[in-house]
PDB file of N, CA and C in Angstrom:
ATOM      1  N   UNK A   1       8.008 -30.631 -77.196  1.00  0.00           N
ATOM      2  CA  UNK A   1       9.344 -30.724 -76.665  1.00  0.00           C
ATOM      3  C   UNK A   1       9.380 -30.255 -75.206  1.00  0.00           C
ATOM      4  N   UNK A   2       8.680 -29.143 -74.925  1.00  0.00           N
ATOM      5  CA  UNK A   2       8.641 -28.622 -73.570  1.00  0.00           C
ATOM      6  C   UNK A   2       7.948 -29.601 -72.627  1.00  0.00           C
ATOM      7  N   UNK A   3       6.880 -30.226 -73.096  1.00  0.00           N
ATOM      8  CA  UNK A   3       6.140 -31.157 -72.237  1.00  0.00           C
ATOM      9  C   UNK A   3       6.989 -32.380 -71.881  1.00  0.00           C
ATOM     10  N   UNK A   4       7.911 -32.756 -72.754  1.00  0.00           N
ATOM     11  CA  UNK A   4       8.804 -33.877 -72.479  1.00  0.00           C
ATOM     12  C   UNK A   4       9.688 -33.558 -71.271  1.00  0.00           C
ATOM     13  N   UNK A   5      10.304 -32.373 -71.275  1.00  0.00           N
ATOM     14  CA  UNK A   5      11.164 -31.974 -70.163  1.00  0.00           C
ATOM     15  C   UNK A   5      10.349 -31.715 -68.898  1.00  0.00           C
ATOM     16  N   UNK A   6       9.174 -31.179 -69.051  1.00  0.00           N
ATOM     17  CA  UNK A   6       8.307 -30.931 -67.900  1.00  0.00           C
ATOM     18  C   UNK A   6       7.913 -32.262 -67.251  1.00  0.00           C
ATOM     19  N   UNK A   7       7.622 -33.264 -68.063  1.00  0.00           N
ATOM     20  CA  UNK A   7       7.272 -34.582 -67.546  1.00  0.00           C
ATOM     21  C   UNK A   7       8.409 -35.147 -66.711  1.00  0.00           C
ATOM     22  N   UNK A   8       9.622 -35.117 -67.223  1.00  0.00           N
ATOM     23  CA  UNK A   8      10.757 -35.685 -66.497  1.00  0.00           C
ATOM     24  C   UNK A   8      11.116 -34.850 -65.263  1.00  0.00           C
ATOM     25  N   UNK A   9      10.888 -33.559 -65.332  1.00  0.00           N
ATOM     26  CA  UNK A   9      11.117 -32.718 -64.150  1.00  0.00           C
ATOM     27  C   UNK A   9      10.122 -33.084 -63.053  1.00  0.00           C
ATOM     28  N   UNK A  10       8.861 -33.309 -63.438  1.00  0.00           N
ATOM     29  CA  UNK A  10       7.866 -33.700 -62.442  1.00  0.00           C
ATOM     30  C   UNK A  10       8.145 -35.084 -61.878  1.00  0.00           C
ATOM     31  N   UNK A  11       8.612 -35.996 -62.714  1.00  0.00           N
ATOM     32  CA  UNK A  11       8.975 -37.331 -62.230  1.00  0.00           C
ATOM     33  C   UNK A  11      10.129 -37.225 -61.233  1.00  0.00           C
ATOM     34  N   UNK A  12      11.098 -36.376 -61.537  1.00  0.00           N
ATOM     35  CA  UNK A  12      12.217 -36.162 -60.611  1.00  0.00           C
ATOM     36  C   UNK A  12      11.750 -35.580 -59.291  1.00  0.00           C
ATOM     37  N   UNK A  13      10.817 -34.634 -59.356  1.00  0.00           N
ATOM     38  CA  UNK A  13      10.265 -34.045 -58.127  1.00  0.00           C
ATOM     39  C   UNK A  13       9.519 -35.095 -57.300  1.00  0.00           C
ATOM     40  N   UNK A  14       8.794 -35.964 -57.964  1.00  0.00           N
ATOM     41  CA  UNK A  14       8.066 -37.013 -57.251  1.00  0.00           C
ATOM     42  C   UNK A  14       9.027 -37.967 -56.544  1.00  0.00           C
ATOM     43  N   UNK A  15      10.099 -38.360 -57.224  1.00  0.00           N
ATOM     44  CA  UNK A  15      11.075 -39.251 -56.598  1.00  0.00           C
ATOM     45  C   UNK A  15      11.796 -38.558 -55.439  1.00  0.00           C
ATOM     46  N   UNK A  16      12.055 -37.276 -55.588  1.00  0.00           N
ATOM     47  CA  UNK A  16      12.676 -36.521 -54.494  1.00  0.00           C
ATOM     48  C   UNK A  16      11.747 -36.476 -53.289  1.00  0.00           C
ATOM     49  N   UNK A  17      10.461 -36.228 -53.520  1.00  0.00           N
ATOM     50  CA  UNK A  17       9.484 -36.199 -52.431  1.00  0.00           C
ATOM     51  C   UNK A  17       9.378 -37.562 -51.767  1.00  0.00           C
ATOM     52  N   UNK A  18       9.420 -38.622 -52.557  1.00  0.00           N
ATOM     53  CA  UNK A  18       9.370 -39.971 -52.008  1.00  0.00           C
ATOM     54  C   UNK A  18      10.597 -40.254 -51.150  1.00  0.00           C
ATOM     55  N   UNK A  19      11.772 -39.846 -51.618  1.00  0.00           N
ATOM     56  CA  UNK A  19      13.006 -40.076 -50.860  1.00  0.00           C
ATOM     57  C   UNK A  19      12.983 -39.303 -49.543  1.00  0.00           C
ATOM     58  N   UNK A  20      12.521 -38.071 -49.574  1.00  0.00           N
ATOM     59  CA  UNK A  20      12.452 -37.275 -48.353  1.00  0.00           C
ATOM     60  C   UNK A  20      11.451 -37.888 -47.375  1.00  0.00           C
ATOM     61  N   UNK A  21      10.342 -38.381 -47.878  1.00  0.00           N
ATOM     62  CA  UNK A  21       9.344 -39.018 -47.016  1.00  0.00           C
ATOM     63  C   UNK A  21       9.904 -40.281 -46.371  1.00  0.00           C
ATOM     64  N   UNK A  22      10.602 -41.095 -47.116  1.00  0.00           N
ATOM     65  CA  UNK A  22      11.201 -42.303 -46.555  1.00  0.00           C
ATOM     66  C   UNK A  22      12.257 -41.972 -45.503  1.00  0.00           C
ATOM     67  N   UNK A  23      13.009 -40.921 -45.746  1.00  0.00           N
ATOM     68  CA  UNK A  23      14.010 -40.486 -44.784  1.00  0.00           C
ATOM     69  C   UNK A  23      13.336 -40.031 -43.480  1.00  0.00           C
ATOM     70  N   UNK A  24      12.243 -39.293 -43.595  1.00  0.00           N
ATOM     71  CA  UNK A  24      11.512 -38.834 -42.410  1.00  0.00           C
ATOM     72  C   UNK A  24      10.926 -40.012 -41.639  1.00  0.00           C
ATOM     73  N   UNK A  25      10.385 -40.975 -42.338  1.00  0.00           N
ATOM     74  CA  UNK A  25       9.827 -42.161 -41.681  1.00  0.00           C
ATOM     75  C   UNK A  25      10.921 -42.923 -40.941  1.00  0.00           C
ATOM     76  N   UNK A  26      12.082 -43.048 -41.547  1.00  0.00           N
ATOM     77  CA  UNK A  26      13.194 -43.751 -40.906  1.00  0.00           C
ATOM     78  C   UNK A  26      13.626 -43.028 -39.628  1.00  0.00           C
ATOM     79  N   UNK A  27      13.681 -41.707 -39.670  1.00  0.00           N
ATOM     80  CA  UNK A  27      14.074 -40.946 -38.476  1.00  0.00           C
ATOM     81  C   UNK A  27      13.044 -41.086 -37.366  1.00  0.00           C
ATOM     82  N   UNK A  28      11.769 -41.053 -37.716  1.00  0.00           N
ATOM     83  CA  UNK A  28      10.720 -41.206 -36.711  1.00  0.00           C
ATOM     84  C   UNK A  28      10.804 -42.580 -36.063  1.00  0.00           C
ATOM     85  N   UNK A  29      11.070 -43.616 -36.842  1.00  0.00           N
ATOM     86  CA  UNK A  29      11.206 -44.966 -36.285  1.00  0.00           C
ATOM     87  C   UNK A  29      12.384 -45.050 -35.327  1.00  0.00           C
ATOM     88  N   UNK A  30      13.502 -44.425 -35.679  1.00  0.00           N
ATOM     89  CA  UNK A  30      14.678 -44.449 -34.811  1.00  0.00           C
ATOM     90  C   UNK A  30      14.387 -43.737 -33.500  1.00  0.00           C
ATOM     91  N   UNK A  31      13.740 -42.579 -33.562  1.00  0.00           N
ATOM     92  CA  UNK A  31      13.424 -41.828 -32.345  1.00  0.00           C
ATOM     93  C   UNK A  31      12.432 -42.595 -31.488  1.00  0.00           C
ATOM     94  N   UNK A  32      11.425 -43.206 -32.102  1.00  0.00           N
ATOM     95  CA  UNK A  32      10.440 -43.983 -31.355  1.00  0.00           C
ATOM     96  C   UNK A  32      11.101 -45.174 -30.664  1.00  0.00           C
ATOM     97  N   UNK A  33      12.015 -45.828 -31.354  1.00  0.00           N
ATOM     98  CA  UNK A  33      12.715 -46.969 -30.785  1.00  0.00           C
ATOM     99  C   UNK A  33      13.620 -46.533 -29.639  1.00  0.00           C
ATOM    100  N   UNK A  34      14.277 -45.401 -29.781  1.00  0.00           N
ATOM    101  CA  UNK A  34      15.174 -44.899 -28.742  1.00  0.00           C
ATOM    102  C   UNK A  34      14.406 -44.474 -27.501  1.00  0.00           C
ATOM    103  N   UNK A  35      13.273 -43.811 -27.678  1.00  0.00           N
ATOM    104  CA  UNK A  35      12.504 -43.302 -26.551  1.00  0.00           C
ATOM    105  C   UNK A  35      11.539 -44.329 -25.972  1.00  0.00           C
ATOM    106  N   UNK A  36      11.548 -45.528 -26.492  1.00  0.00           N
ATOM    107  CA  UNK A  36      10.649 -46.563 -25.988  1.00  0.00           C
ATOM    108  C   UNK A  36      10.918 -46.924 -24.537  1.00  0.00           C
ATOM    109  N   UNK A  37      12.174 -46.864 -24.102  1.00  0.00           N
ATOM    110  CA  UNK A  37      12.522 -47.219 -22.727  1.00  0.00           C
ATOM    111  C   UNK A  37      12.312 -46.057 -21.761  1.00  0.00           C
ATOM    112  N   UNK A  38      12.003 -44.889 -22.263  1.00  0.00           N
ATOM    113  CA  UNK A  38      11.831 -43.717 -21.407  1.00  0.00           C
ATOM    114  C   UNK A  38      10.424 -43.700 -20.827  1.00  0.00           C
ATOM    115  N   UNK A  39      10.355 -43.714 -19.502  1.00  0.00           N
ATOM    116  CA  UNK A  39       9.052 -43.647 -18.846  1.00  0.00           C
ATOM    117  C   UNK A  39       8.934 -42.320 -18.103  1.00  0.00           C
ATOM    118  N   UNK A  40       7.781 -42.094 -17.474  1.00  0.00           N
ATOM    119  CA  UNK A  40       7.521 -40.805 -16.831  1.00  0.00           C
ATOM    120  C   UNK A  40       8.406 -40.594 -15.609  1.00  0.00           C
ATOM    121  N   UNK A  41       8.745 -41.654 -14.916  1.00  0.00           N
ATOM    122  CA  UNK A  41       9.601 -41.514 -13.736  1.00  0.00           C
ATOM    123  C   UNK A  41      11.001 -41.060 -14.132  1.00  0.00           C
ATOM    124  N   UNK A  42      11.533 -41.655 -15.193  1.00  0.00           N
ATOM    125  CA  UNK A  42      12.851 -41.253 -15.678  1.00  0.00           C
ATOM    126  C   UNK A  42      12.826 -39.809 -16.141  1.00  0.00           C
ATOM    127  N   UNK A  43      11.772 -39.424 -16.827  1.00  0.00           N
ATOM    128  CA  UNK A  43      11.647 -38.046 -17.298  1.00  0.00           C
ATOM    129  C   UNK A  43      11.580 -37.064 -16.126  1.00  0.00           C
ATOM    130  N   UNK A  44      10.859 -37.427 -15.069  1.00  0.00           N
ATOM    131  CA  UNK A  44      10.776 -36.565 -13.888  1.00  0.00           C
ATOM    132  C   UNK A  44      12.134 -36.445 -13.207  1.00  0.00           C
ATOM    133  N   UNK A  45      12.870 -37.546 -13.131  1.00  0.00           N
ATOM    134  CA  UNK A  45      14.209 -37.503 -12.527  1.00  0.00           C
ATOM    135  C   UNK A  45      15.150 -36.632 -13.334  1.00  0.00           C
ATOM    136  N   UNK A  46      15.090 -36.756 -14.648  1.00  0.00           N
ATOM    137  CA  UNK A  46      15.938 -35.925 -15.505  1.00  0.00           C
ATOM    138  C   UNK A  46      15.607 -34.447 -15.351  1.00  0.00           C
ATOM    139  N   UNK A  47      14.313 -34.138 -15.267  1.00  0.00           N
ATOM    140  CA  UNK A  47      13.897 -32.751 -15.108  1.00  0.00           C
ATOM    141  C   UNK A  47      14.408 -32.188 -13.784  1.00  0.00           C
ATOM    142  N   UNK A  48      14.328 -32.965 -12.717  1.00  0.00           N
ATOM    143  CA  UNK A  48      14.835 -32.526 -11.424  1.00  0.00           C
ATOM    144  C   UNK A  48      16.333 -32.322 -11.427  1.00  0.00           C
ATOM    145  N   UNK A  49      17.051 -33.223 -12.069  1.00  0.00           N
ATOM    146  CA  UNK A  49      18.508 -33.095 -12.136  1.00  0.00           C
ATOM    147  C   UNK A  49      18.913 -31.865 -12.934  1.00  0.00           C
ATOM    148  N   UNK A  50      18.208 -31.601 -14.017  1.00  0.00           N
ATOM    149  CA  UNK A  50      18.514 -30.424 -14.827  1.00  0.00           C
ATOM    150  C   UNK A  50      18.263 -29.155 -14.017  1.00  0.00           C
ATOM    151  N   UNK A  51      17.181 -29.139 -13.246  1.00  0.00           N
ATOM    152  CA  UNK A  51      16.884 -27.975 -12.415  1.00  0.00           C
ATOM    153  C   UNK A  51      17.950 -27.730 -11.367  1.00  0.00           C
ATOM    154  N   UNK A  52      18.426 -28.793 -10.719  1.00  0.00           N
ATOM    155  CA  UNK A  52      19.459 -28.626  -9.690  1.00  0.00           C
ATOM    156  C   UNK A  52      20.784 -28.199 -10.321  1.00  0.00           C
ATOM    157  N   UNK A  53      21.107 -28.721 -11.470  1.00  0.00           N
ATOM    158  CA  UNK A  53      22.330 -28.296 -12.155  1.00  0.00           C
ATOM    159  C   UNK A  53      22.243 -26.828 -12.552  1.00  0.00           C
ATOM    160  N   UNK A  54      21.064 -26.406 -12.997  1.00  0.00           N
ATOM    161  CA  UNK A  54      20.865 -25.018 -13.385  1.00  0.00           C
ATOM    162  C   UNK A  54      21.076 -24.081 -12.189  1.00  0.00           C
ATOM    163  N   UNK A  55      20.498 -24.441 -11.030  1.00  0.00           N
ATOM    164  CA  UNK A  55      20.654 -23.615  -9.838  1.00  0.00           C
ATOM    165  C   UNK A  55      22.115 -23.545  -9.401  1.00  0.00           C
ATOM    166  N   UNK A  56      22.819 -24.672  -9.441  1.00  0.00           N
ATOM    167  CA  UNK A  56      24.221 -24.653  -9.015  1.00  0.00           C
ATOM    168  C   UNK A  56      25.076 -23.831  -9.979  1.00  0.00           C
ATOM    169  N   UNK A  57      24.780 -23.890 -11.257  1.00  0.00           N
ATOM    170  CA  UNK A  57      25.526 -23.070 -12.215  1.00  0.00           C
ATOM    171  C   UNK A  57      25.241 -21.588 -12.011  1.00  0.00           C
ATOM    172  N   UNK A  58      24.004 -21.230 -11.700  1.00  0.00           N
ATOM    173  CA  UNK A  58      23.683 -19.829 -11.442  1.00  0.00           C
ATOM    174  C   UNK A  58      24.413 -19.336 -10.191  1.00  0.00           C
ATOM    175  N   UNK A  59      24.471 -20.153  -9.136  1.00  0.00           N
ATOM    176  CA  UNK A  59      25.200 -19.771  -7.929  1.00  0.00           C
ATOM    177  C   UNK A  59      26.679 -19.587  -8.231  1.00  0.00           C
ATOM    178  N   UNK A  60      27.240 -20.504  -8.999  1.00  0.00           N
ATOM    179  CA  UNK A  60      28.655 -20.403  -9.349  1.00  0.00           C
ATOM    180  C   UNK A  60      28.933 -19.148 -10.161  1.00  0.00           C
ATOM    181  N   UNK A  61      28.083 -18.856 -11.123  1.00  0.00           N
ATOM    182  CA  UNK A  61      28.272 -17.650 -11.929  1.00  0.00           C
ATOM    183  C   UNK A  61      28.148 -16.397 -11.082  1.00  0.00           C
ATOM    184  N   UNK A  62      27.206 -16.381 -10.147  1.00  0.00           N
ATOM    185  CA  UNK A  62      27.055 -15.222  -9.273  1.00  0.00           C
ATOM    186  C   UNK A  62      28.276 -15.047  -8.366  1.00  0.00           C
ATOM    187  N   UNK A  63      28.833 -16.151  -7.894  1.00  0.00           N
ATOM    188  CA  UNK A  63      30.045 -16.057  -7.074  1.00  0.00           C
ATOM    189  C   UNK A  63      31.206 -15.530  -7.895  1.00  0.00           C
ATOM    190  N   UNK A  64      31.325 -16.011  -9.126  1.00  0.00           N
ATOM    191  CA  UNK A  64      32.412 -15.550  -9.992  1.00  0.00           C
ATOM    192  C   UNK A  64      32.268 -14.063 -10.272  1.00  0.00           C
ATOM    193  N   UNK A  65      31.045 -13.615 -10.497  1.00  0.00           N
ATOM    194  CA  UNK A  65      30.808 -12.204 -10.776  1.00  0.00           C
ATOM    195  C   UNK A  65      30.881 -11.347  -9.516  1.00  0.00           C
ATOM    196  N   UNK A  66      30.898 -11.959  -8.350  1.00  0.00           N
ATOM    197  CA  UNK A  66      30.983 -11.215  -7.110  1.00  0.00           C
ATOM    198  C   UNK A  66      29.662 -10.654  -6.640  1.00  0.00           C
ATOM    199  N   UNK A  67      28.582 -11.141  -7.189  1.00  0.00           N
ATOM    200  CA  UNK A  67      27.281 -10.604  -6.813  1.00  0.00           C
ATOM    201  C   UNK A  67      26.850 -11.097  -5.441  1.00  0.00           C
ATOM    202  N   UNK A  68      27.070 -12.362  -5.145  1.00  0.00           N
ATOM    203  CA  UNK A  68      26.654 -12.909  -3.856  1.00  0.00           C
ATOM    204  C   UNK A  68      27.754 -13.802  -3.315  1.00  0.00           C
ATOM    205  N   UNK A  69      27.713 -13.994  -2.027  1.00  0.00           N
ATOM    206  CA  UNK A  69      28.632 -14.915  -1.376  1.00  0.00           C
ATOM    207  C   UNK A  69      27.942 -16.258  -1.234  1.00  0.00           C
ATOM    208  N   UNK A  70      28.707 -17.240  -0.812  1.00  0.00           N
ATOM    209  CA  UNK A  70      28.099 -18.558  -0.630  1.00  0.00           C
ATOM    210  C   UNK A  70      27.158 -18.572   0.569  1.00  0.00           C
ATOM    211  N   UNK A  71      27.416 -17.703   1.561  1.00  0.00           N
ATOM    212  CA  UNK A  71      26.575 -17.655   2.756  1.00  0.00           C
ATOM    213  C   UNK A  71      26.022 -16.242   2.919  1.00  0.00           C
ATOM    214  N   UNK A  72      24.708 -16.059   2.898  1.00  0.00           N
ATOM    215  CA  UNK A  72      24.142 -14.711   3.037  1.00  0.00           C
ATOM    216  C   UNK A  72      24.435 -14.078   4.393  1.00  0.00           C
ATOM    217  N   UNK A  73      24.642 -14.873   5.439  1.00  0.00           N
ATOM    218  CA  UNK A  73      24.939 -14.312   6.762  1.00  0.00           C
ATOM    219  C   UNK A  73      26.277 -13.590   6.760  1.00  0.00           C
ATOM    220  N   UNK A  74      27.253 -14.102   6.036  1.00  0.00           N
ATOM    221  CA  UNK A  74      28.555 -13.431   5.965  1.00  0.00           C
ATOM    222  C   UNK A  74      28.447 -12.106   5.230  1.00  0.00           C
ATOM    223  N   UNK A  75      27.592 -12.051   4.235  1.00  0.00           N
ATOM    224  CA  UNK A  75      27.394 -10.791   3.511  1.00  0.00           C
ATOM    225  C   UNK A  75      26.799  -9.745   4.440  1.00  0.00           C
ATOM    226  N   UNK A  76      25.814 -10.140   5.242  1.00  0.00           N
ATOM    227  CA  UNK A  76      25.196  -9.207   6.187  1.00  0.00           C
ATOM    228  C   UNK A  76      26.174  -8.800   7.283  1.00  0.00           C
ATOM    229  N   UNK A  77      27.063  -9.701   7.697  1.00  0.00           N
ATOM    230  CA  UNK A  77      28.048  -9.385   8.730  1.00  0.00           C
ATOM    231  C   UNK A  77      29.092  -8.406   8.205  1.00  0.00           C
ATOM    232  N   UNK A  78      29.422  -8.470   6.927  1.00  0.00           N
ATOM    233  CA  UNK A  78      30.430  -7.588   6.350  1.00  0.00           C
ATOM    234  C   UNK A  78      29.862  -6.246   5.909  1.00  0.00           C
ATOM    235  N   UNK A  79      28.577  -6.090   5.911  1.00  0.00           N
ATOM    236  CA  UNK A  79      27.949  -4.851   5.452  1.00  0.00           C
ATOM    237  C   UNK A  79      28.360  -3.635   6.276  1.00  0.00           C
ATOM    238  N   UNK A  80      28.411  -3.701   7.608  1.00  0.00           N
ATOM    239  CA  UNK A  80      28.857  -2.516   8.361  1.00  0.00           C
ATOM    240  C   UNK A  80      30.301  -2.121   8.050  1.00  0.00           C
ATOM    241  N   UNK A  81      31.150  -3.065   7.728  1.00  0.00           N
ATOM    242  CA  UNK A  81      32.532  -2.740   7.378  1.00  0.00           C
ATOM    243  C   UNK A  81      32.580  -1.867   6.134  1.00  0.00           C
ATOM    244  N   UNK A  82      31.739  -2.182   5.165  1.00  0.00           N
ATOM    245  CA  UNK A  82      31.720  -1.394   3.946  1.00  0.00           C
ATOM    246  C   UNK A  82      31.151  -0.005   4.189  1.00  0.00           C
ATOM    247  N   UNK A  83      30.188   0.083   5.085  1.00  0.00           N
ATOM    248  CA  UNK A  83      29.590   1.383   5.371  1.00  0.00           C
ATOM    249  C   UNK A  83      30.572   2.273   6.136  1.00  0.00           C
ATOM    250  N   UNK A  84      31.390   1.717   7.019  1.00  0.00           N
ATOM    251  CA  UNK A  84      32.370   2.505   7.762  1.00  0.00           C
ATOM    252  C   UNK A  84      33.557   2.891   6.888  1.00  0.00           C
ATOM    253  N   UNK A  85      33.828   2.132   5.898  1.00  0.00           N
ATOM    254  CA  UNK A  85      34.992   2.386   5.065  1.00  0.00           C
ATOM    255  C   UNK A  85      34.807   3.617   4.186  1.00  0.00           C
ATOM    256  N   UNK A  86      33.598   4.065   3.986  1.00  0.00           N
ATOM    257  CA  UNK A  86      33.373   5.237   3.153  1.00  0.00           C
ATOM    258  C   UNK A  86      33.729   6.490   3.951  1.00  0.00           C
ATOM    259  N   UNK A  87      34.553   7.358   3.393  1.00  0.00           N
ATOM    260  CA  UNK A  87      34.948   8.562   4.138  1.00  0.00           C
ATOM    261  C   UNK A  87      33.778   9.537   4.234  1.00  0.00           C
ATOM    262  N   UNK A  88      33.835  10.351   5.295  1.00  0.00           N
ATOM    263  CA  UNK A  88      32.821  11.388   5.449  1.00  0.00           C
ATOM    264  C   UNK A  88      33.106  12.507   4.457  1.00  0.00           C
ATOM    265  N   UNK A  89      32.078  12.958   3.808  1.00  0.00           N
ATOM    266  CA  UNK A  89      32.226  14.005   2.812  1.00  0.00           C
ATOM    267  C   UNK A  89      31.869  15.327   3.466  1.00  0.00           C
ATOM    268  N   UNK A  90      32.798  16.254   3.409  1.00  0.00           N
ATOM    269  CA  UNK A  90      32.501  17.587   3.943  1.00  0.00           C
ATOM    270  C   UNK A  90      32.019  18.475   2.806  1.00  0.00           C
ATOM    271  N   UNK A  91      31.033  19.299   3.065  1.00  0.00           N
ATOM    272  CA  UNK A  91      30.518  20.149   1.989  1.00  0.00           C
ATOM    273  C   UNK A  91      31.530  21.218   1.599  1.00  0.00           C
ATOM    274  N   UNK A  92      31.535  21.557   0.353  1.00  0.00           N
ATOM    275  CA  UNK A  92      32.436  22.604  -0.165  1.00  0.00           C
ATOM    276  C   UNK A  92      31.776  23.949   0.071  1.00  0.00           C
ATOM    277  N   UNK A  93      32.521  24.850   0.674  1.00  0.00           N
ATOM    278  CA  UNK A  93      31.975  26.181   0.909  1.00  0.00           C
ATOM    279  C   UNK A  93      32.363  27.076  -0.257  1.00  0.00           C
ATOM    280  N   UNK A  94      31.376  27.644  -0.856  1.00  0.00           N
ATOM    281  CA  UNK A  94      31.602  28.510  -2.001  1.00  0.00           C
ATOM    282  C   UNK A  94      31.454  29.977  -1.578  1.00  0.00           C
ATOM    283  N   UNK A  95      32.200  30.741  -2.243  1.00  0.00           N
ATOM    284  CA  UNK A  95      32.083  32.171  -1.958  1.00  0.00           C
ATOM    285  C   UNK A  95      32.859  32.562  -0.701  1.00  0.00           C
ATOM    286  N   UNK A  96      32.809  33.757  -0.379  1.00  0.00           N
ATOM    287  CA  UNK A  96      33.406  34.203   0.651  1.00  0.00           C
ATOM    288  C   UNK A  96      34.008  34.545   1.762  1.00  0.00           C
TER     289      UNK A  96
END
């Protein structure tokens, strides 16, 4: 009796494995067909575009966070203003 159920369980497992394999083959065919028109020049262009977009997003995020300005010369020109704006600290005299 047990071998009867074991047989049908194994048959079910085999059909499941077959279905999963067919599904994987179908997906590989779709991806191969889709990427057939992709050549190395297109891939290089996409990589370059992604790099430039990444740099522009990093600059934008840095500007939003206030870390850097759009022009480094303006940051250097404003540096003395920040240094003069700090008040002079006089030492505290303790004791007598």
